[in-house]
Amino acid sequence: PIRYWQHEGHGNPYVHRINQLSAHPGQPSSLISVASGNNEISVWDMETATRRQMIWASPTQPFGPMTDNPQQHCSVRSLYTCVIGNNPVLFAGGSDRFIRLWNLNNSSSCSCIVRPDGLVNKMLLKYSSQVIEGVEVLRELKTVTRTSVIAGSGTDTSQTEPHVYSHVDYITSLGVIPYKNHHVTQQLLISASHDGVIKLWK
């Protein structure tokens, strides 16, 4: 090999499994890796073998040790990279059945496109960027409020699709395809899950 490095786990003796690799959509010298746990995605500089950026959608502190918290063991299982405008963007889906859009240049443009919505608990999601241990970390911050969701009441202020439309098994593949309808071409997000279901999203 011309370059080699080890993805260090968060706390011994835990070692991360690498589930997927992808080219960076905007930086030819960078590599994107998907690791097990914490919905972690990392951007690596291939020339220096150093981590430049990390995506962390977990309730625990970035770079902290693994615990028995089930949410910490959620992992990204599918990744699609592209450029929107001048911004490198990642679509990520996984074992928690969320589909997230990560703008690598602007945390305020990150969002959760689809999530499994509970009947009682409301989950508000915010996204931020901070430097931790010399690495830029894009984080998803969750706030749970106990508010009853009544169909048709207009009380659900989330910008994600309701549970009836979301996947019920973990998401295994994502892509973007062109769709032409009435002489208008749209870009549609396509997702597939472990139970064999394929969905199209506007």
Protein backbone atom coordinates (compact mmCIF):
# COMPACT_ATOMS: atom_id res chain seq x y z
CA PRO A 1 0.00 0.00 0.00
CA ILE A 2 1.10 3.59 -0.59
CA ARG A 3 -0.63 4.83 2.57
CA TYR A 4 -1.81 3.13 5.75
CA TRP A 5 -3.49 4.25 8.97
CA GLN A 6 -5.60 2.84 11.78
CA HIS A 7 -8.99 4.21 12.73
CA GLU A 8 -8.72 4.38 16.50
CA GLY A 9 -11.72 3.35 18.56
CA HIS A 10 -13.24 5.52 21.28
CA GLY A 11 -11.82 3.92 24.40
CA ASN A 12 -9.93 0.65 24.66
CA PRO A 13 -10.44 -2.14 23.80
CA TYR A 14 -13.17 -1.01 21.42
CA VAL A 15 -12.06 -0.86 17.78
CA HIS A 16 -14.18 0.63 15.03
CA ARG A 17 -15.23 -1.42 12.06
CA ILE A 18 -15.16 0.51 8.78
CA ASN A 19 -18.44 -0.13 6.98
CA GLN A 20 -17.96 1.97 3.84
CA LEU A 21 -15.50 4.19 1.98
CA SER A 22 -16.26 6.97 -0.50
CA ALA A 23 -14.44 9.69 -2.41
CA HIS A 24 -14.99 13.23 -1.16
CA PRO A 25 -17.39 15.03 -3.56
CA GLY A 26 -15.39 18.27 -3.52
CA GLN A 27 -11.82 17.43 -2.49
CA PRO A 28 -9.92 14.85 -4.58
CA SER A 29 -7.25 14.44 -1.90
CA SER A 30 -9.79 13.51 0.80
CA LEU A 31 -11.45 10.20 1.68
CA ILE A 32 -14.71 9.61 3.54
CA SER A 33 -15.10 6.64 5.89
CA VAL A 34 -18.17 5.30 7.66
CA ALA A 35 -17.42 3.66 11.00
CA SER A 36 -19.60 1.53 13.27
CA GLY A 37 -21.27 3.30 16.16
CA ASN A 38 -22.46 6.88 16.83
CA ASN A 39 -23.55 7.35 13.19
CA GLU A 40 -19.95 8.42 12.68
CA ILE A 41 -18.60 9.62 9.33
CA SER A 42 -15.03 10.90 9.00
CA VAL A 43 -13.20 12.90 6.34
CA TRP A 44 -9.52 12.00 6.02
CA ASP A 45 -6.63 13.75 4.29
CA MET A 46 -5.09 10.95 2.24
CA GLU A 47 -1.70 12.68 1.95
CA THR A 48 -1.20 13.09 5.70
CA ALA A 49 -3.53 10.29 6.94
CA THR A 50 -5.12 12.74 9.40
CA ARG A 51 -8.78 13.27 10.16
CA ARG A 52 -9.96 16.68 9.00
CA GLN A 53 -13.67 16.49 9.78
CA MET A 54 -16.09 14.21 11.60
CA ILE A 55 -19.88 13.84 11.55
CA TRP A 56 -21.40 12.73 14.85
CA ALA A 57 -25.13 11.98 15.25
CA SER A 58 -25.07 10.50 18.74
CA PRO A 59 -26.17 11.67 22.21
CA THR A 60 -22.69 11.09 23.63
CA GLN A 61 -19.67 13.39 23.55
CA PRO A 62 -17.55 13.08 20.38
CA PHE A 63 -14.38 11.00 20.86
CA GLY A 64 -15.81 9.64 24.12
CA PRO A 65 -15.79 5.94 25.04
CA MET A 66 -18.48 3.53 23.92
CA THR A 67 -21.21 2.80 26.48
CA ASP A 68 -24.30 0.60 26.76
CA ASN A 69 -26.52 3.40 25.41
CA PRO A 70 -28.40 1.79 22.48
CA GLN A 71 -28.40 5.10 20.56
CA GLN A 72 -24.61 5.08 20.60
CA HIS A 73 -24.56 1.81 18.66
CA CYS A 74 -26.54 3.19 15.71
CA SER A 75 -24.46 3.14 12.55
CA VAL A 76 -24.61 4.59 9.07
CA ARG A 77 -25.24 1.79 6.57
CA SER A 78 -25.63 3.82 3.37
CA LEU A 79 -24.00 6.94 1.99
CA TYR A 80 -24.47 9.03 -1.12
CA THR A 81 -22.15 11.97 -1.91
CA CYS A 82 -22.71 14.84 -4.34
CA VAL A 83 -22.25 18.58 -4.82
CA ILE A 84 -25.22 20.94 -4.44
CA GLY A 85 -24.36 24.42 -5.60
CA ASN A 86 -20.75 24.72 -4.52
CA ASN A 87 -21.20 22.66 -1.36
CA PRO A 88 -20.13 19.04 -0.86
CA VAL A 89 -23.11 17.16 0.54
CA LEU A 90 -23.65 13.72 2.05
CA PHE A 91 -26.93 11.82 2.31
CA ALA A 92 -26.67 9.23 5.08
CA GLY A 93 -29.03 6.51 6.30
CA GLY A 94 -28.60 3.63 8.67
CA SER A 95 -29.74 1.44 11.51
CA ASP A 96 -31.73 4.20 13.26
CA ARG A 97 -33.82 4.62 10.05
CA PHE A 98 -33.03 8.34 9.81
CA ILE A 99 -32.05 9.91 6.49
CA ARG A 100 -29.82 12.92 7.09
CA LEU A 101 -28.39 15.55 4.78
CA TRP A 102 -24.95 16.80 5.82
CA ASN A 103 -23.56 19.97 4.23
CA LEU A 104 -19.81 19.70 4.85
CA ASN A 105 -19.34 23.47 4.42
CA ASN A 106 -22.28 24.78 6.45
CA SER A 107 -23.78 23.15 9.54
CA SER A 108 -26.85 25.41 9.37
CA SER A 109 -27.78 23.71 6.08
CA CYS A 110 -27.69 20.21 7.60
CA SER A 111 -31.05 18.58 8.20
CA CYS A 112 -32.90 15.35 8.90
CA ILE A 113 -34.92 14.54 5.80
CA VAL A 114 -36.75 11.48 7.12
CA ARG A 115 -37.04 10.06 10.62
CA PRO A 116 -39.26 7.53 12.40
CA ASP A 117 -41.55 9.76 14.42
CA GLY A 118 -42.90 8.49 17.77
CA LEU A 119 -46.51 8.80 18.84
CA VAL A 120 -45.80 10.71 22.06
CA ASN A 121 -42.20 11.92 22.18
CA LYS A 122 -41.31 14.85 19.97
CA MET A 123 -37.64 15.06 18.98
CA LEU A 124 -36.27 18.44 17.94
CA LEU A 125 -33.02 18.30 15.99
CA LYS A 126 -30.37 21.00 15.70
CA TYR A 127 -27.01 20.97 13.96
CA SER A 128 -23.78 22.68 14.96
CA SER A 129 -20.09 22.77 14.14
CA GLN A 130 -17.24 22.91 16.63
CA VAL A 131 -13.56 22.01 16.80
CA ILE A 132 -12.76 19.15 19.17
CA GLU A 133 -9.22 17.80 19.54
CA GLY A 134 -8.23 19.70 16.42
CA VAL A 135 -10.99 18.15 14.29
CA GLU A 136 -14.03 19.99 12.96
CA VAL A 137 -17.08 18.08 14.23
CA LEU A 138 -20.54 18.43 12.70
CA ARG A 139 -22.99 17.38 15.42
CA GLU A 140 -26.64 16.56 15.60
CA LEU A 141 -28.17 17.71 18.90
CA LYS A 142 -31.46 16.17 20.01
CA THR A 143 -34.00 17.67 22.36
CA VAL A 144 -36.89 15.43 23.39
CA THR A 145 -40.12 17.07 24.54
CA ARG A 146 -43.16 15.08 25.62
CA THR A 147 -45.89 16.48 23.43
CA SER A 148 -48.83 14.50 22.08
CA VAL A 149 -48.94 14.43 18.30
CA ILE A 150 -52.54 14.56 17.08
CA ALA A 151 -53.09 13.77 13.42
CA GLY A 152 -54.27 16.83 11.52
CA SER A 153 -53.85 19.17 14.47
CA GLY A 154 -50.93 21.03 12.97
CA THR A 155 -48.94 20.66 16.17
CA ASP A 156 -46.07 18.76 14.58
CA THR A 157 -43.56 21.44 13.65
CA SER A 158 -40.80 19.10 12.48
CA GLN A 159 -39.56 19.44 8.91
CA THR A 160 -39.24 15.69 8.42
CA GLU A 161 -41.63 13.15 6.97
CA PRO A 162 -44.03 11.46 9.45
CA HIS A 163 -43.53 7.90 10.62
CA VAL A 164 -46.07 6.43 8.21
CA TYR A 165 -43.76 7.29 5.32
CA SER A 166 -40.45 6.32 6.90
CA HIS A 167 -38.64 2.99 6.66
CA VAL A 168 -39.38 0.42 9.37
CA ASP A 169 -36.07 -1.44 8.90
CA TYR A 170 -32.53 -0.11 8.65
CA ILE A 171 -31.58 1.75 5.48
CA THR A 172 -29.12 -0.09 3.26
CA SER A 173 -28.78 2.09 0.16
CA LEU A 174 -29.26 5.69 -0.98
CA GLY A 175 -29.02 7.41 -4.34
CA VAL A 176 -30.21 10.38 -6.37
CA ILE A 177 -31.84 9.82 -9.75
CA PRO A 178 -33.29 12.15 -12.40
CA TYR A 179 -37.04 11.91 -12.93
CA LYS A 180 -38.79 13.53 -15.88
CA ASN A 181 -42.47 14.39 -15.54
CA HIS A 182 -44.39 16.70 -17.91
CA HIS A 183 -41.14 17.87 -19.52
CA VAL A 184 -39.72 18.86 -16.14
CA THR A 185 -36.71 16.96 -14.81
CA GLN A 186 -36.40 16.62 -11.03
CA GLN A 187 -33.74 15.05 -8.85
CA LEU A 188 -35.31 12.46 -6.56
CA LEU A 189 -33.72 10.78 -3.56
CA ILE A 190 -34.11 6.99 -3.58
CA SER A 191 -33.70 4.79 -0.52
CA ALA A 192 -33.85 1.07 0.18
CA SER A 193 -34.07 -0.81 3.45
CA HIS A 194 -33.15 -4.26 4.77
CA ASP A 195 -36.75 -5.51 4.47
CA GLY A 196 -36.73 -5.02 0.68
CA VAL A 197 -38.68 -1.73 0.56
CA ILE A 198 -37.64 0.97 -1.95
CA LYS A 199 -38.86 4.55 -1.57
CA LEU A 200 -38.63 7.70 -3.68
CA TRP A 201 -38.44 11.15 -2.05
CA LYS A 202 -38.91 14.60 -3.54
